[in-house]
């Protein structure tokens, strides 16, 4: 459906940029992604698993990606954005991700 609708594609790209920029402003490393799939670099396997589980408890799906899928010490969360997300949803997600990230020492 997104592939056939310019309006939905634009909304998807807008949402992706909003979440990516919001996370970067909070100090997260999201690599140089320009996709609706946003990596959040964590590094440590145990920390990324804890981070993922804590976010799941908050209502956010952020999949933990670990070796061998990625190189050693580059474990990350994978967060997917959709055109259906509202900006308020994304702002709430940024807030929750930042809070948990600070508690776990991923960001300051």
PDB file of N, CA and C in Angstrom:
ATOM      1  N   UNK A   1       0.817  -1.194   0.000  1.00  0.00           N
ATOM      2  CA  UNK A   1       0.000   0.000   0.000  1.00  0.00           C
ATOM      3  C   UNK A   1       0.871   1.272   0.000  1.00  0.00           C
ATOM      4  N   UNK A   2       1.944   1.284   0.813  1.00  0.00           N
ATOM      5  CA  UNK A   2       2.825   2.450   0.851  1.00  0.00           C
ATOM      6  C   UNK A   2       3.478   2.664  -0.505  1.00  0.00           C
ATOM      7  N   UNK A   3       3.839   1.573  -1.168  1.00  0.00           N
ATOM      8  CA  UNK A   3       4.486   1.688  -2.474  1.00  0.00           C
ATOM      9  C   UNK A   3       3.585   2.350  -3.505  1.00  0.00           C
ATOM     10  N   UNK A   4       2.275   2.282  -3.304  1.00  0.00           N
ATOM     11  CA  UNK A   4       1.328   2.821  -4.273  1.00  0.00           C
ATOM     12  C   UNK A   4       0.793   4.197  -3.886  1.00  0.00           C
ATOM     13  N   UNK A   5       1.105   4.650  -2.707  1.00  0.00           N
ATOM     14  CA  UNK A   5       0.552   5.915  -2.243  1.00  0.00           C
ATOM     15  C   UNK A   5       1.659   6.912  -1.904  1.00  0.00           C
ATOM     16  N   UNK A   6       1.735   7.959  -2.675  1.00  0.00           N
ATOM     17  CA  UNK A   6       2.755   8.987  -2.437  1.00  0.00           C
ATOM     18  C   UNK A   6       2.570   9.615  -1.053  1.00  0.00           C
ATOM     19  N   UNK A   7       1.324   9.869  -0.671  1.00  0.00           N
ATOM     20  CA  UNK A   7       1.049  10.486   0.628  1.00  0.00           C
ATOM     21  C   UNK A   7       1.537   9.601   1.780  1.00  0.00           C
ATOM     22  N   UNK A   8       1.300   8.297   1.677  1.00  0.00           N
ATOM     23  CA  UNK A   8       1.766   7.381   2.715  1.00  0.00           C
ATOM     24  C   UNK A   8       3.289   7.297   2.745  1.00  0.00           C
ATOM     25  N   UNK A   9       3.917   7.289   1.580  1.00  0.00           N
ATOM     26  CA  UNK A   9       5.380   7.272   1.530  1.00  0.00           C
ATOM     27  C   UNK A   9       5.956   8.517   2.188  1.00  0.00           C
ATOM     28  N   UNK A  10       5.383   9.663   1.888  1.00  0.00           N
ATOM     29  CA  UNK A  10       5.860  10.911   2.481  1.00  0.00           C
ATOM     30  C   UNK A  10       5.691  10.886   3.997  1.00  0.00           C
ATOM     31  N   UNK A  11       4.570  10.362   4.463  1.00  0.00           N
ATOM     32  CA  UNK A  11       4.325  10.261   5.909  1.00  0.00           C
ATOM     33  C   UNK A  11       5.329   9.311   6.546  1.00  0.00           C
ATOM     34  N   UNK A  12       5.612   8.193   5.887  1.00  0.00           N
ATOM     35  CA  UNK A  12       6.586   7.238   6.397  1.00  0.00           C
ATOM     36  C   UNK A  12       7.964   7.881   6.511  1.00  0.00           C
ATOM     37  N   UNK A  13       8.397   8.580   5.482  1.00  0.00           N
ATOM     38  CA  UNK A  13       9.707   9.235   5.523  1.00  0.00           C
ATOM     39  C   UNK A  13       9.737  10.341   6.583  1.00  0.00           C
ATOM     40  N   UNK A  14       8.645  11.085   6.715  1.00  0.00           N
ATOM     41  CA  UNK A  14       8.558  12.120   7.748  1.00  0.00           C
ATOM     42  C   UNK A  14       8.671  11.498   9.142  1.00  0.00           C
ATOM     43  N   UNK A  15       7.952  10.413   9.367  1.00  0.00           N
ATOM     44  CA  UNK A  15       8.006   9.741  10.667  1.00  0.00           C
ATOM     45  C   UNK A  15       9.389   9.180  10.948  1.00  0.00           C
ATOM     46  N   UNK A  16      10.012   8.599   9.938  1.00  0.00           N
ATOM     47  CA  UNK A  16      11.357   8.043  10.095  1.00  0.00           C
ATOM     48  C   UNK A  16      12.354   9.132  10.467  1.00  0.00           C
ATOM     49  N   UNK A  17      12.298  10.246   9.755  1.00  0.00           N
ATOM     50  CA  UNK A  17      13.204  11.371  10.058  1.00  0.00           C
ATOM     51  C   UNK A  17      12.953  11.902  11.468  1.00  0.00           C
ATOM     52  N   UNK A  18      11.682  12.034  11.845  1.00  0.00           N
ATOM     53  CA  UNK A  18      11.334  12.572  13.167  1.00  0.00           C
ATOM     54  C   UNK A  18      11.912  11.694  14.278  1.00  0.00           C
ATOM     55  N   UNK A  19      11.693  10.380  14.191  1.00  0.00           N
ATOM     56  CA  UNK A  19      12.196   9.483  15.232  1.00  0.00           C
ATOM     57  C   UNK A  19      13.718   9.441  15.225  1.00  0.00           C
ATOM     58  N   UNK A  20      14.313   9.325  14.069  1.00  0.00           N
ATOM     59  CA  UNK A  20      15.767   9.257  13.969  1.00  0.00           C
ATOM     60  C   UNK A  20      16.408  10.523  14.536  1.00  0.00           C
ATOM     61  N   UNK A  21      15.925  11.680  14.120  1.00  0.00           N
ATOM     62  CA  UNK A  21      16.486  12.938  14.613  1.00  0.00           C
ATOM     63  C   UNK A  21      16.266  13.097  16.112  1.00  0.00           C
ATOM     64  N   UNK A  22      15.091  12.712  16.581  1.00  0.00           N
ATOM     65  CA  UNK A  22      14.804  12.808  18.012  1.00  0.00           C
ATOM     66  C   UNK A  22      15.740  11.947  18.841  1.00  0.00           C
ATOM     67  N   UNK A  23      15.996  10.737  18.387  1.00  0.00           N
ATOM     68  CA  UNK A  23      16.911   9.848  19.105  1.00  0.00           C
ATOM     69  C   UNK A  23      18.337  10.371  19.053  1.00  0.00           C
ATOM     70  N   UNK A  24      18.747  10.868  17.899  1.00  0.00           N
ATOM     71  CA  UNK A  24      20.107  11.415  17.771  1.00  0.00           C
ATOM     72  C   UNK A  24      20.291  12.633  18.685  1.00  0.00           C
ATOM     73  N   UNK A  25      19.273  13.476  18.776  1.00  0.00           N
ATOM     74  CA  UNK A  25      19.350  14.649  19.654  1.00  0.00           C
ATOM     75  C   UNK A  25      19.485  14.257  21.123  1.00  0.00           C
ATOM     76  N   UNK A  26      18.982  13.086  21.463  1.00  0.00           N
ATOM     77  CA  UNK A  26      19.091  12.590  22.843  1.00  0.00           C
ATOM     78  C   UNK A  26      20.413  11.879  23.089  1.00  0.00           C
ATOM     79  N   UNK A  27      21.240  11.752  22.048  1.00  0.00           N
ATOM     80  CA  UNK A  27      22.572  11.177  22.206  1.00  0.00           C
ATOM     81  C   UNK A  27      22.736   9.763  21.697  1.00  0.00           C
ATOM     82  N   UNK A  28      21.706   9.191  21.098  1.00  0.00           N
ATOM     83  CA  UNK A  28      21.812   7.837  20.573  1.00  0.00           C
ATOM     84  C   UNK A  28      22.531   7.826  19.232  1.00  0.00           C
ATOM     85  N   UNK A  29      23.291   6.763  19.002  1.00  0.00           N
ATOM     86  CA  UNK A  29      23.952   6.542  17.718  1.00  0.00           C
ATOM     87  C   UNK A  29      23.012   5.698  16.872  1.00  0.00           C
ATOM     88  N   UNK A  30      22.487   6.266  15.812  1.00  0.00           N
ATOM     89  CA  UNK A  30      21.605   5.538  14.901  1.00  0.00           C
ATOM     90  C   UNK A  30      22.291   5.302  13.560  1.00  0.00           C
ATOM     91  N   UNK A  31      23.615   5.304  13.599  1.00  0.00           N
ATOM     92  CA  UNK A  31      24.425   5.155  12.393  1.00  0.00           C
ATOM     93  C   UNK A  31      24.025   6.245  11.406  1.00  0.00           C
ATOM     94  N   UNK A  32      24.062   5.976  10.145  1.00  0.00           N
ATOM     95  CA  UNK A  32      23.690   7.001   9.167  1.00  0.00           C
ATOM     96  C   UNK A  32      22.418   6.584   8.440  1.00  0.00           C
ATOM     97  N   UNK A  33      21.533   5.936   9.149  1.00  0.00           N
ATOM     98  CA  UNK A  33      20.327   5.399   8.525  1.00  0.00           C
ATOM     99  C   UNK A  33      19.433   6.498   7.970  1.00  0.00           C
ATOM    100  N   UNK A  34      18.817   6.193   6.864  1.00  0.00           N
ATOM    101  CA  UNK A  34      17.794   7.061   6.288  1.00  0.00           C
ATOM    102  C   UNK A  34      16.595   6.202   5.927  1.00  0.00           C
ATOM    103  N   UNK A  35      16.426   5.146   6.681  1.00  0.00           N
ATOM    104  CA  UNK A  35      15.404   4.142   6.439  1.00  0.00           C
ATOM    105  C   UNK A  35      14.356   4.200   7.546  1.00  0.00           C
ATOM    106  N   UNK A  36      13.245   3.507   7.332  1.00  0.00           N
ATOM    107  CA  UNK A  36      12.230   3.403   8.370  1.00  0.00           C
ATOM    108  C   UNK A  36      12.617   2.354   9.413  1.00  0.00           C
ATOM    109  N   UNK A  37      13.716   1.657   9.188  1.00  0.00           N
ATOM    110  CA  UNK A  37      14.265   0.724  10.174  1.00  0.00           C
ATOM    111  C   UNK A  37      15.466   1.415  10.801  1.00  0.00           C
ATOM    112  N   UNK A  38      15.327   1.776  12.072  1.00  0.00           N
ATOM    113  CA  UNK A  38      16.332   2.607  12.738  1.00  0.00           C
ATOM    114  C   UNK A  38      17.131   1.769  13.729  1.00  0.00           C
ATOM    115  N   UNK A  39      18.451   1.663  13.512  1.00  0.00           N
ATOM    116  CA  UNK A  39      19.288   0.970  14.490  1.00  0.00           C
ATOM    117  C   UNK A  39      19.654   1.918  15.629  1.00  0.00           C
ATOM    118  N   UNK A  40      19.641   1.403  16.839  1.00  0.00           N
ATOM    119  CA  UNK A  40      20.108   2.168  17.996  1.00  0.00           C
ATOM    120  C   UNK A  40      21.269   1.368  18.575  1.00  0.00           C
ATOM    121  N   UNK A  41      22.472   1.883  18.391  1.00  0.00           N
ATOM    122  CA  UNK A  41      23.664   1.163  18.811  1.00  0.00           C
ATOM    123  C   UNK A  41      23.751   1.096  20.336  1.00  0.00           C
ATOM    124  N   UNK A  42      24.023  -0.112  20.822  1.00  0.00           N
ATOM    125  CA  UNK A  42      24.156  -0.350  22.260  1.00  0.00           C
ATOM    126  C   UNK A  42      25.531  -0.936  22.561  1.00  0.00           C
ATOM    127  N   UNK A  43      25.983  -1.896  21.769  1.00  0.00           N
ATOM    128  CA  UNK A  43      27.310  -2.487  21.936  1.00  0.00           C
ATOM    129  C   UNK A  43      27.295  -3.802  22.681  1.00  0.00           C
ATOM    130  N   UNK A  44      26.918  -3.775  23.929  1.00  0.00           N
ATOM    131  CA  UNK A  44      26.964  -4.943  24.800  1.00  0.00           C
ATOM    132  C   UNK A  44      25.734  -5.834  24.624  1.00  0.00           C
ATOM    133  N   UNK A  45      25.952  -7.146  24.492  1.00  0.00           N
ATOM    134  CA  UNK A  45      24.852  -8.088  24.287  1.00  0.00           C
ATOM    135  C   UNK A  45      23.851  -8.108  25.438  1.00  0.00           C
ATOM    136  N   UNK A  46      24.352  -8.165  26.661  1.00  0.00           N
ATOM    137  CA  UNK A  46      23.446  -8.206  27.814  1.00  0.00           C
ATOM    138  C   UNK A  46      22.639  -6.921  27.924  1.00  0.00           C
ATOM    139  N   UNK A  47      23.276  -5.804  27.697  1.00  0.00           N
ATOM    140  CA  UNK A  47      22.580  -4.521  27.786  1.00  0.00           C
ATOM    141  C   UNK A  47      21.505  -4.404  26.727  1.00  0.00           C
ATOM    142  N   UNK A  48      21.793  -4.833  25.496  1.00  0.00           N
ATOM    143  CA  UNK A  48      20.796  -4.721  24.430  1.00  0.00           C
ATOM    144  C   UNK A  48      19.593  -5.614  24.723  1.00  0.00           C
ATOM    145  N   UNK A  49      19.823  -6.792  25.307  1.00  0.00           N
ATOM    146  CA  UNK A  49      18.703  -7.671  25.668  1.00  0.00           C
ATOM    147  C   UNK A  49      17.843  -7.043  26.770  1.00  0.00           C
ATOM    148  N   UNK A  50      18.503  -6.471  27.767  1.00  0.00           N
ATOM    149  CA  UNK A  50      17.779  -5.799  28.847  1.00  0.00           C
ATOM    150  C   UNK A  50      17.009  -4.601  28.308  1.00  0.00           C
ATOM    151  N   UNK A  51      17.651  -3.823  27.453  1.00  0.00           N
ATOM    152  CA  UNK A  51      17.032  -2.637  26.847  1.00  0.00           C
ATOM    153  C   UNK A  51      15.775  -3.049  26.077  1.00  0.00           C
ATOM    154  N   UNK A  52      15.913  -4.072  25.244  1.00  0.00           N
ATOM    155  CA  UNK A  52      14.787  -4.549  24.445  1.00  0.00           C
ATOM    156  C   UNK A  52      13.621  -4.993  25.334  1.00  0.00           C
ATOM    157  N   UNK A  53      13.923  -5.748  26.368  1.00  0.00           N
ATOM    158  CA  UNK A  53      12.888  -6.249  27.272  1.00  0.00           C
ATOM    159  C   UNK A  53      12.215  -5.100  28.022  1.00  0.00           C
ATOM    160  N   UNK A  54      13.001  -4.150  28.483  1.00  0.00           N
ATOM    161  CA  UNK A  54      12.435  -2.994  29.204  1.00  0.00           C
ATOM    162  C   UNK A  54      11.508  -2.196  28.302  1.00  0.00           C
ATOM    163  N   UNK A  55      11.909  -2.002  27.046  1.00  0.00           N
ATOM    164  CA  UNK A  55      11.055  -1.271  26.109  1.00  0.00           C
ATOM    165  C   UNK A  55       9.790  -2.065  25.791  1.00  0.00           C
ATOM    166  N   UNK A  56       9.917  -3.369  25.677  1.00  0.00           N
ATOM    167  CA  UNK A  56       8.730  -4.204  25.457  1.00  0.00           C
ATOM    168  C   UNK A  56       7.736  -4.024  26.603  1.00  0.00           C
ATOM    169  N   UNK A  57       8.238  -3.964  27.832  1.00  0.00           N
ATOM    170  CA  UNK A  57       7.380  -3.734  28.995  1.00  0.00           C
ATOM    171  C   UNK A  57       6.706  -2.365  28.960  1.00  0.00           C
ATOM    172  N   UNK A  58       7.333  -1.432  28.255  1.00  0.00           N
ATOM    173  CA  UNK A  58       6.778  -0.080  28.096  1.00  0.00           C
ATOM    174  C   UNK A  58       5.800  -0.002  26.926  1.00  0.00           C
ATOM    175  N   UNK A  59       5.750  -1.066  26.113  1.00  0.00           N
ATOM    176  CA  UNK A  59       4.861  -1.072  24.953  1.00  0.00           C
ATOM    177  C   UNK A  59       5.542  -0.717  23.647  1.00  0.00           C
ATOM    178  N   UNK A  60       6.867  -0.816  23.620  1.00  0.00           N
ATOM    179  CA  UNK A  60       7.641  -0.490  22.418  1.00  0.00           C
ATOM    180  C   UNK A  60       8.361  -1.736  21.939  1.00  0.00           C
ATOM    181  N   UNK A  61       8.159  -2.084  20.678  1.00  0.00           N
ATOM    182  CA  UNK A  61       8.881  -3.210  20.093  1.00  0.00           C
ATOM    183  C   UNK A  61      10.196  -2.699  19.526  1.00  0.00           C
ATOM    184  N   UNK A  62      11.279  -3.126  20.146  1.00  0.00           N
ATOM    185  CA  UNK A  62      12.626  -2.777  19.704  1.00  0.00           C
ATOM    186  C   UNK A  62      13.439  -4.062  19.787  1.00  0.00           C
ATOM    187  N   UNK A  63      13.623  -4.693  18.673  1.00  0.00           N
ATOM    188  CA  UNK A  63      14.255  -6.005  18.610  1.00  0.00           C
ATOM    189  C   UNK A  63      15.754  -5.895  18.868  1.00  0.00           C
ATOM    190  N   UNK A  64      16.272  -6.784  19.744  1.00  0.00           N
ATOM    191  CA  UNK A  64      17.706  -6.840  20.024  1.00  0.00           C
ATOM    192  C   UNK A  64      18.395  -7.624  18.905  1.00  0.00           C
ATOM    193  N   UNK A  65      19.374  -6.998  18.268  1.00  0.00           N
ATOM    194  CA  UNK A  65      20.152  -7.641  17.209  1.00  0.00           C
ATOM    195  C   UNK A  65      21.570  -7.833  17.745  1.00  0.00           C
ATOM    196  N   UNK A  66      22.017  -9.086  17.777  1.00  0.00           N
ATOM    197  CA  UNK A  66      23.314  -9.426  18.369  1.00  0.00           C
ATOM    198  C   UNK A  66      24.116 -10.302  17.418  1.00  0.00           C
ATOM    199  N   UNK A  67      25.417 -10.468  17.734  1.00  0.00           N
ATOM    200  CA  UNK A  67      26.209 -11.407  16.957  1.00  0.00           C
ATOM    201  C   UNK A  67      25.560 -12.794  17.006  1.00  0.00           C
ATOM    202  N   UNK A  68      25.591 -13.543  15.952  1.00  0.00           N
ATOM    203  CA  UNK A  68      26.400 -13.354  14.753  1.00  0.00           C
ATOM    204  C   UNK A  68      25.724 -12.513  13.674  1.00  0.00           C
ATOM    205  N   UNK A  69      24.526 -11.974  13.941  1.00  0.00           N
ATOM    206  CA  UNK A  69      23.851 -11.142  12.930  1.00  0.00           C
ATOM    207  C   UNK A  69      24.602  -9.846  12.663  1.00  0.00           C
ATOM    208  N   UNK A  70      25.317  -9.354  13.662  1.00  0.00           N
ATOM    209  CA  UNK A  70      26.136  -8.148  13.546  1.00  0.00           C
ATOM    210  C   UNK A  70      27.497  -8.452  14.169  1.00  0.00           C
ATOM    211  N   UNK A  71      28.529  -7.664  13.862  1.00  0.00           N
ATOM    212  CA  UNK A  71      29.847  -7.921  14.440  1.00  0.00           C
ATOM    213  C   UNK A  71      29.856  -7.814  15.968  1.00  0.00           C
ATOM    214  N   UNK A  72      30.794  -8.497  16.584  1.00  0.00           N
ATOM    215  CA  UNK A  72      30.984  -8.449  18.031  1.00  0.00           C
ATOM    216  C   UNK A  72      31.072  -6.999  18.509  1.00  0.00           C
ATOM    217  N   UNK A  73      30.452  -6.726  19.644  1.00  0.00           N
ATOM    218  CA  UNK A  73      30.441  -5.403  20.291  1.00  0.00           C
ATOM    219  C   UNK A  73      29.675  -4.344  19.507  1.00  0.00           C
ATOM    220  N   UNK A  74      28.796  -4.773  18.597  1.00  0.00           N
ATOM    221  CA  UNK A  74      27.953  -3.823  17.867  1.00  0.00           C
ATOM    222  C   UNK A  74      26.470  -4.177  18.005  1.00  0.00           C
ATOM    223  N   UNK A  75      26.115  -4.809  19.117  1.00  0.00           N
ATOM    224  CA  UNK A  75      24.713  -5.141  19.354  1.00  0.00           C
ATOM    225  C   UNK A  75      23.891  -3.860  19.295  1.00  0.00           C
ATOM    226  N   UNK A  76      22.673  -4.001  18.819  1.00  0.00           N
ATOM    227  CA  UNK A  76      21.826  -2.820  18.619  1.00  0.00           C
ATOM    228  C   UNK A  76      20.361  -3.182  18.725  1.00  0.00           C
ATOM    229  N   UNK A  77      19.570  -2.169  18.934  1.00  0.00           N
ATOM    230  CA  UNK A  77      18.129  -2.312  18.832  1.00  0.00           C
ATOM    231  C   UNK A  77      17.733  -2.010  17.403  1.00  0.00           C
ATOM    232  N   UNK A  78      16.679  -2.644  16.946  1.00  0.00           N
ATOM    233  CA  UNK A  78      16.134  -2.327  15.625  1.00  0.00           C
ATOM    234  C   UNK A  78      14.696  -1.866  15.836  1.00  0.00           C
ATOM    235  N   UNK A  79      14.441  -0.617  15.498  1.00  0.00           N
ATOM    236  CA  UNK A  79      13.123  -0.016  15.673  1.00  0.00           C
ATOM    237  C   UNK A  79      12.560   0.304  14.299  1.00  0.00           C
ATOM    238  N   UNK A  80      11.351  -0.151  14.040  1.00  0.00           N
ATOM    239  CA  UNK A  80      10.699   0.098  12.753  1.00  0.00           C
ATOM    240  C   UNK A  80       9.601   1.129  12.915  1.00  0.00           C
ATOM    241  N   UNK A  81       9.563   2.059  11.988  1.00  0.00           N
ATOM    242  CA  UNK A  81       8.561   3.123  11.980  1.00  0.00           C
ATOM    243  C   UNK A  81       7.565   2.832  10.860  1.00  0.00           C
ATOM    244  N   UNK A  82       6.315   3.217  11.065  1.00  0.00           N
ATOM    245  CA  UNK A  82       5.304   3.068  10.011  1.00  0.00           C
ATOM    246  C   UNK A  82       4.663   4.422   9.722  1.00  0.00           C
ATOM    247  N   UNK A  83       3.947   4.473   8.630  1.00  0.00           N
ATOM    248  CA  UNK A  83       3.202   5.684   8.278  1.00  0.00           C
ATOM    249  C   UNK A  83       2.028   5.893   9.226  1.00  0.00           C
ATOM    250  N   UNK A  84       1.608   4.845   9.904  1.00  0.00           N
ATOM    251  CA  UNK A  84       0.461   4.930  10.819  1.00  0.00           C
ATOM    252  C   UNK A  84       0.802   5.569  12.158  1.00  0.00           C
ATOM    253  N   UNK A  85       2.086   5.656  12.495  1.00  0.00           N
ATOM    254  CA  UNK A  85       2.457   6.289  13.760  1.00  0.00           C
ATOM    255  C   UNK A  85       2.109   7.775  13.722  1.00  0.00           C
ATOM    256  N   UNK A  86       1.594   8.244  14.838  1.00  0.00           N
ATOM    257  CA  UNK A  86       1.355   9.685  14.983  1.00  0.00           C
ATOM    258  C   UNK A  86       2.609  10.312  15.587  1.00  0.00           C
ATOM    259  N   UNK A  87       2.806  11.583  15.336  1.00  0.00           N
ATOM    260  CA  UNK A  87       3.972  12.258  15.883  1.00  0.00           C
ATOM    261  C   UNK A  87       3.978  12.186  17.415  1.00  0.00           C
ATOM    262  N   UNK A  88       2.803  12.228  18.022  1.00  0.00           N
ATOM    263  CA  UNK A  88       2.706  12.111  19.486  1.00  0.00           C
ATOM    264  C   UNK A  88       3.215  10.746  19.949  1.00  0.00           C
ATOM    265  N   UNK A  89       2.903   9.695  19.167  1.00  0.00           N
ATOM    266  CA  UNK A  89       3.386   8.349  19.489  1.00  0.00           C
ATOM    267  C   UNK A  89       4.908   8.312  19.444  1.00  0.00           C
ATOM    268  N   UNK A  90       5.462   8.919  18.412  1.00  0.00           N
ATOM    269  CA  UNK A  90       6.910   8.905  18.244  1.00  0.00           C
ATOM    270  C   UNK A  90       7.599   9.724  19.325  1.00  0.00           C
ATOM    271  N   UNK A  91       7.017  10.847  19.695  1.00  0.00           N
ATOM    272  CA  UNK A  91       7.593  11.659  20.769  1.00  0.00           C
ATOM    273  C   UNK A  91       7.569  10.892  22.087  1.00  0.00           C
ATOM    274  N   UNK A  92       6.464  10.199  22.344  1.00  0.00           N
ATOM    275  CA  UNK A  92       6.361   9.367  23.541  1.00  0.00           C
ATOM    276  C   UNK A  92       7.432   8.277  23.510  1.00  0.00           C
ATOM    277  N   UNK A  93       7.624   7.645  22.347  1.00  0.00           N
ATOM    278  CA  UNK A  93       8.635   6.598  22.213  1.00  0.00           C
ATOM    279  C   UNK A  93      10.034   7.153  22.465  1.00  0.00           C
ATOM    280  N   UNK A  94      10.327   8.316  21.924  1.00  0.00           N
ATOM    281  CA  UNK A  94      11.634   8.946  22.159  1.00  0.00           C
ATOM    282  C   UNK A  94      11.851   9.146  23.650  1.00  0.00           C
ATOM    283  N   UNK A  95      10.830   9.619  24.327  1.00  0.00           N
ATOM    284  CA  UNK A  95      10.916   9.853  25.770  1.00  0.00           C
ATOM    285  C   UNK A  95      11.192   8.561  26.533  1.00  0.00           C
ATOM    286  N   UNK A  96      10.467   7.503  26.215  1.00  0.00           N
ATOM    287  CA  UNK A  96      10.634   6.232  26.914  1.00  0.00           C
ATOM    288  C   UNK A  96      11.982   5.597  26.577  1.00  0.00           C
ATOM    289  N   UNK A  97      12.370   5.621  25.315  1.00  0.00           N
ATOM    290  CA  UNK A  97      13.660   5.046  24.909  1.00  0.00           C
ATOM    291  C   UNK A  97      14.793   5.790  25.605  1.00  0.00           C
ATOM    292  N   UNK A  98      14.686   7.100  25.680  1.00  0.00           N
ATOM    293  CA  UNK A  98      15.716   7.910  26.338  1.00  0.00           C
ATOM    294  C   UNK A  98      15.789   7.602  27.825  1.00  0.00           C
ATOM    295  N   UNK A  99      14.648   7.497  28.466  1.00  0.00           N
ATOM    296  CA  UNK A  99      14.617   7.202  29.895  1.00  0.00           C
ATOM    297  C   UNK A  99      15.293   5.865  30.201  1.00  0.00           C
ATOM    298  N   UNK A 100      14.922   4.843  29.466  1.00  0.00           N
ATOM    299  CA  UNK A 100      15.520   3.523  29.683  1.00  0.00           C
ATOM    300  C   UNK A 100      16.993   3.541  29.290  1.00  0.00           C
ATOM    301  N   UNK A 101      17.323   4.206  28.192  1.00  0.00           N
ATOM    302  CA  UNK A 101      18.717   4.311  27.768  1.00  0.00           C
ATOM    303  C   UNK A 101      19.595   4.965  28.812  1.00  0.00           C
ATOM    304  N   UNK A 102      19.076   5.977  29.483  1.00  0.00           N
ATOM    305  CA  UNK A 102      19.836   6.642  30.553  1.00  0.00           C
ATOM    306  C   UNK A 102      20.013   5.705  31.744  1.00  0.00           C
ATOM    307  N   UNK A 103      18.939   5.015  32.126  1.00  0.00           N
ATOM    308  CA  UNK A 103      19.022   4.082  33.251  1.00  0.00           C
ATOM    309  C   UNK A 103      20.061   2.999  33.005  1.00  0.00           C
ATOM    310  N   UNK A 104      20.180   2.564  31.763  1.00  0.00           N
ATOM    311  CA  UNK A 104      21.116   1.491  31.419  1.00  0.00           C
ATOM    312  C   UNK A 104      22.512   2.004  31.054  1.00  0.00           C
ATOM    313  N   UNK A 105      22.691   3.321  31.035  1.00  0.00           N
ATOM    314  CA  UNK A 105      23.993   3.905  30.724  1.00  0.00           C
ATOM    315  C   UNK A 105      24.348   3.913  29.243  1.00  0.00           C
ATOM    316  N   UNK A 106      23.334   3.786  28.381  1.00  0.00           N
ATOM    317  CA  UNK A 106      23.579   3.822  26.936  1.00  0.00           C
ATOM    318  C   UNK A 106      23.786   5.257  26.476  1.00  0.00           C
ATOM    319  N   UNK A 107      23.046   6.190  27.072  1.00  0.00           N
ATOM    320  CA  UNK A 107      23.225   7.618  26.819  1.00  0.00           C
ATOM    321  C   UNK A 107      23.288   8.349  28.153  1.00  0.00           C
ATOM    322  N   UNK A 108      23.795   9.560  28.126  1.00  0.00           N
ATOM    323  CA  UNK A 108      23.903  10.368  29.345  1.00  0.00           C
ATOM    324  C   UNK A 108      22.634  11.128  29.617  1.00  0.00           C
TER     325      UNK A 108
END
